Amino acid sequence: MFIQTENTPNPEVLKFLPGREVLGEGAREFRDAQEAAASPLAKALFDLDNVSRVFFGPDFLTVTKDPDADWPHLKAPILAAIMDHFTSGAPLLTDMSDQGHDTTEYEGETAQIVAEIKELLDSRIRPAVAQDGGDIVFSRFEPESGVVYLHMRGACSGCPSSSATLKAGVENMLRHYVPEVTRVEQTL
C-alpha cells in the first residue's frame, strides 16, 4: 500500500491519500480523543503524541498536529497507523452518525433560500475546498439579517487563509447567486 501526502494551506495540517476510498461519501471530523472513539483509525491517530484533530473525506484524511510538533517526527507514525488500519480490515467508523449540514427544518421562502445555499455549497464550494483537505458545511441561516453561518472542518479549521476563503470566495459566491445572503460568518 502506497500512501501519498500533500501539504495544505494550513501548515499544521497534512493531507494523506491512501489510494482507496476513505469515507466514500461525505466527511467526518474528530476534534478530540473522545470523539475519535467512534473510529478505530481516528482513535489510533489520537493515540499518537501531538495529534490534535483528524478529518476523513471521501478519498483522503487530514491530520492536524499541535503547533509545537514537527512533521518529520510525526509523519512516519501517522503513515504506519493509516497502513495498519487499512490492512487490518477494521471498519472506519463504529458510530455512523452523520456530521454533514445542519438538518434544522426551515419553512416557506426561507426553506427555498437554505436549499439554494446548500446546493451551492455541495456543488461548487465543497469540492474545491476538499482539494485542500478541508470541508465547509452549512450551520444555519438567519433570514432577518441574511447571515449564513458555516462550519469549516479539516484543513480549513484554523487555517490562516480560511477567513479570506470564507469572505472573498464563499461569501461573494453566495451573495451573487442568493441575493438574500448579506454576509457569511464562521461557527466553531
Protein backbone atom coordinates (compact mmCIF):
# COMPACT_ATOMS: atom_id res chain seq x y z
CA MET A 1 0.00 0.00 0.00
CA PHE A 2 1.35 3.39 -1.02
CA ILE A 3 0.05 6.47 0.83
CA GLN A 4 0.69 9.86 -0.74
CA THR A 5 0.90 13.03 1.32
CA GLU A 6 0.16 16.60 0.32
CA ASN A 7 0.74 19.86 2.08
CA THR A 8 -2.33 22.01 2.70
CA PRO A 9 -2.65 25.79 3.01
CA ASN A 10 -2.68 25.22 6.78
CA PRO A 11 0.90 24.43 7.91
CA GLU A 12 -0.43 22.47 10.91
CA VAL A 13 -2.36 20.04 8.65
CA LEU A 14 -1.13 17.33 6.32
CA LYS A 15 -3.36 15.53 3.79
CA PHE A 16 -2.97 11.75 3.42
CA LEU A 17 -4.20 9.94 0.28
CA PRO A 18 -4.25 6.16 0.82
CA GLY A 19 -5.16 5.43 -2.81
CA ARG A 20 -8.54 3.99 -1.82
CA GLU A 21 -11.88 5.15 -0.54
CA VAL A 22 -11.76 6.54 2.98
CA LEU A 23 -15.28 7.67 3.83
CA GLY A 24 -16.71 7.34 0.33
CA GLU A 25 -19.38 9.98 0.64
CA GLY A 26 -19.49 12.93 3.00
CA ALA A 27 -16.97 13.91 5.64
CA ARG A 28 -16.37 13.34 9.33
CA GLU A 29 -14.31 15.37 11.77
CA PHE A 30 -12.87 14.33 15.13
CA ARG A 31 -11.80 17.25 17.31
CA ASP A 32 -10.53 15.23 20.27
CA ALA A 33 -9.83 11.72 21.50
CA GLN A 34 -13.33 11.39 22.95
CA GLU A 35 -14.95 12.00 19.54
CA ALA A 36 -12.37 9.66 17.97
CA ALA A 37 -13.82 6.73 19.92
CA ALA A 38 -16.29 6.44 17.01
CA SER A 39 -13.48 5.33 14.66
CA PRO A 40 -10.68 2.81 15.17
CA LEU A 41 -8.45 4.78 12.77
CA ALA A 42 -9.15 8.16 14.38
CA LYS A 43 -8.54 6.62 17.82
CA ALA A 44 -5.19 5.17 16.66
CA LEU A 45 -4.16 8.58 15.32
CA PHE A 46 -5.13 10.36 18.55
CA ASP A 47 -3.12 7.77 20.48
CA LEU A 48 -0.04 9.30 18.84
CA ASP A 49 1.56 12.26 20.58
CA ASN A 50 0.84 15.74 19.18
CA VAL A 51 -2.23 14.86 17.05
CA SER A 52 -4.97 17.42 17.76
CA ARG A 53 -7.58 16.81 15.03
CA VAL A 54 -8.48 14.19 12.41
CA PHE A 55 -10.73 14.63 9.38
CA PHE A 56 -12.00 11.99 6.94
CA GLY A 57 -13.01 12.95 3.41
CA PRO A 58 -14.23 10.75 0.55
CA ASP A 59 -10.76 9.54 -0.51
CA PHE A 60 -8.39 11.31 1.88
CA LEU A 61 -7.83 12.14 5.51
CA THR A 62 -6.14 15.06 7.14
CA VAL A 63 -4.30 15.16 10.43
CA THR A 64 -3.75 18.34 12.42
CA LYS A 65 -0.69 18.46 14.64
CA ASP A 66 0.00 20.52 17.72
CA PRO A 67 1.75 23.80 16.79
CA ASP A 68 4.96 22.86 18.63
CA ALA A 69 5.31 19.47 16.89
CA ASP A 70 7.30 18.84 13.71
CA TRP A 71 6.01 16.91 10.69
CA PRO A 72 9.27 14.99 10.18
CA HIS A 73 8.75 13.33 13.59
CA LEU A 74 5.01 12.72 13.18
CA LYS A 75 4.66 11.67 9.57
CA ALA A 76 6.05 8.12 9.85
CA PRO A 77 3.91 7.07 12.85
CA ILE A 78 0.81 8.54 11.16
CA LEU A 79 1.56 6.67 7.93
CA ALA A 80 2.05 3.45 9.93
CA ALA A 81 -1.29 3.91 11.76
CA ILE A 82 -3.11 4.51 8.46
CA MET A 83 -1.48 1.50 6.80
CA ASP A 84 -2.17 -0.73 9.81
CA HIS A 85 -5.82 0.29 9.78
CA PHE A 86 -6.44 -0.32 6.10
CA THR A 87 -4.61 -3.66 6.06
CA SER A 88 -6.45 -4.87 9.20
CA GLY A 89 -9.89 -4.80 7.58
CA ALA A 90 -11.36 -2.99 10.61
CA PRO A 91 -14.30 -0.69 9.92
CA LEU A 92 -13.57 3.02 9.53
CA LEU A 93 -16.47 4.00 11.79
CA THR A 94 -18.26 2.24 14.60
CA ASP A 95 -20.62 5.19 15.11
CA MET A 96 -22.32 6.08 11.83
CA SER A 97 -23.98 9.34 12.94
CA ASP A 98 -23.87 11.92 10.16
CA GLN A 99 -21.92 15.12 10.64
CA GLY A 100 -22.93 16.92 7.47
CA HIS A 101 -25.07 20.01 7.04
CA ASP A 102 -27.30 21.05 9.92
CA THR A 103 -30.73 19.49 9.44
CA THR A 104 -32.86 22.21 11.03
CA GLU A 105 -36.20 22.47 9.25
CA TYR A 106 -36.92 25.82 7.63
CA GLU A 107 -40.30 26.80 6.23
CA GLY A 108 -41.62 28.72 3.23
CA GLU A 109 -39.31 31.10 1.41
CA THR A 110 -36.54 30.56 3.97
CA ALA A 111 -36.56 26.82 3.19
CA GLN A 112 -36.00 27.62 -0.51
CA ILE A 113 -33.15 30.02 0.31
CA VAL A 114 -31.47 27.42 2.55
CA ALA A 115 -31.86 24.77 -0.17
CA GLU A 116 -30.12 27.10 -2.67
CA ILE A 117 -27.30 27.79 -0.18
CA LYS A 118 -26.76 24.06 0.48
CA GLU A 119 -26.85 23.28 -3.25
CA LEU A 120 -24.14 25.89 -3.97
CA LEU A 121 -22.06 24.59 -1.08
CA ASP A 122 -22.35 20.98 -2.26
CA SER A 123 -21.87 21.56 -5.98
CA ARG A 124 -19.30 24.34 -6.18
CA ILE A 125 -17.66 25.16 -2.87
CA ARG A 126 -17.13 21.87 -1.01
CA PRO A 127 -15.41 20.10 -3.94
CA ALA A 128 -12.92 22.97 -4.29
CA VAL A 129 -12.22 23.08 -0.56
CA ALA A 130 -11.78 19.28 -0.44
CA GLN A 131 -8.82 19.60 -2.80
CA ASP A 132 -7.02 21.40 0.03
CA GLY A 133 -8.05 18.75 2.57
CA GLY A 134 -10.99 20.58 4.11
CA ASP A 135 -14.73 20.95 4.15
CA ILE A 136 -17.33 23.65 4.71
CA VAL A 137 -20.80 22.75 5.95
CA PHE A 138 -23.96 24.75 6.49
CA SER A 139 -24.70 25.56 10.12
CA ARG A 140 -27.66 27.97 9.97
CA PHE A 141 -29.26 30.89 8.15
CA GLU A 142 -30.79 33.93 9.83
CA PRO A 143 -33.35 35.30 7.36
CA GLU A 144 -33.86 38.58 9.25
CA SER A 145 -30.23 39.62 8.82
CA GLY A 146 -29.30 37.49 5.77
CA VAL A 147 -26.33 35.98 7.63
CA VAL A 148 -25.21 32.44 6.76
CA TYR A 149 -23.20 30.57 9.37
CA LEU A 150 -20.79 27.92 8.09
CA HIS A 151 -18.55 25.43 9.88
CA MET A 152 -15.07 24.88 8.47
CA ARG A 153 -13.55 21.43 9.01
CA GLY A 154 -10.39 19.52 8.22
CA ALA A 155 -7.50 21.58 6.89
CA CYS A 156 -9.80 24.63 6.76
CA SER A 157 -10.27 24.65 10.52
CA GLY A 158 -7.75 27.07 11.95
CA CYS A 159 -6.11 27.71 8.58
CA PRO A 160 -4.50 31.16 8.31
CA SER A 161 -6.19 31.72 4.93
CA SER A 162 -9.64 30.40 5.98
CA SER A 163 -11.11 33.81 6.75
CA ALA A 164 -10.01 35.07 3.33
CA THR A 165 -11.53 31.98 1.68
CA LEU A 166 -14.73 32.49 3.62
CA LYS A 167 -15.10 36.19 2.88
CA ALA A 168 -13.57 36.58 -0.58
CA GLY A 169 -14.65 33.28 -2.06
CA VAL A 170 -17.65 31.78 -0.30
CA GLU A 171 -19.39 34.99 0.75
CA ASN A 172 -19.04 36.56 -2.70
CA MET A 173 -20.39 33.46 -4.43
CA LEU A 174 -23.35 33.06 -2.07
CA ARG A 175 -24.22 36.77 -2.29
CA HIS A 176 -24.06 36.61 -6.09
CA TYR A 177 -26.32 33.57 -6.51
CA VAL A 178 -28.56 34.04 -3.45
CA PRO A 179 -29.37 37.77 -3.11
CA GLU A 180 -30.96 37.24 0.31
CA VAL A 181 -27.49 36.45 1.72
CA THR A 182 -25.80 39.56 3.09
CA ARG A 183 -22.86 38.07 4.98
CA VAL A 184 -21.13 34.78 5.84
CA GLU A 185 -19.75 34.02 9.30
CA GLN A 186 -17.78 31.07 10.62
CA THR A 187 -19.02 28.92 13.52
CA LEU A 188 -16.77 26.81 15.69
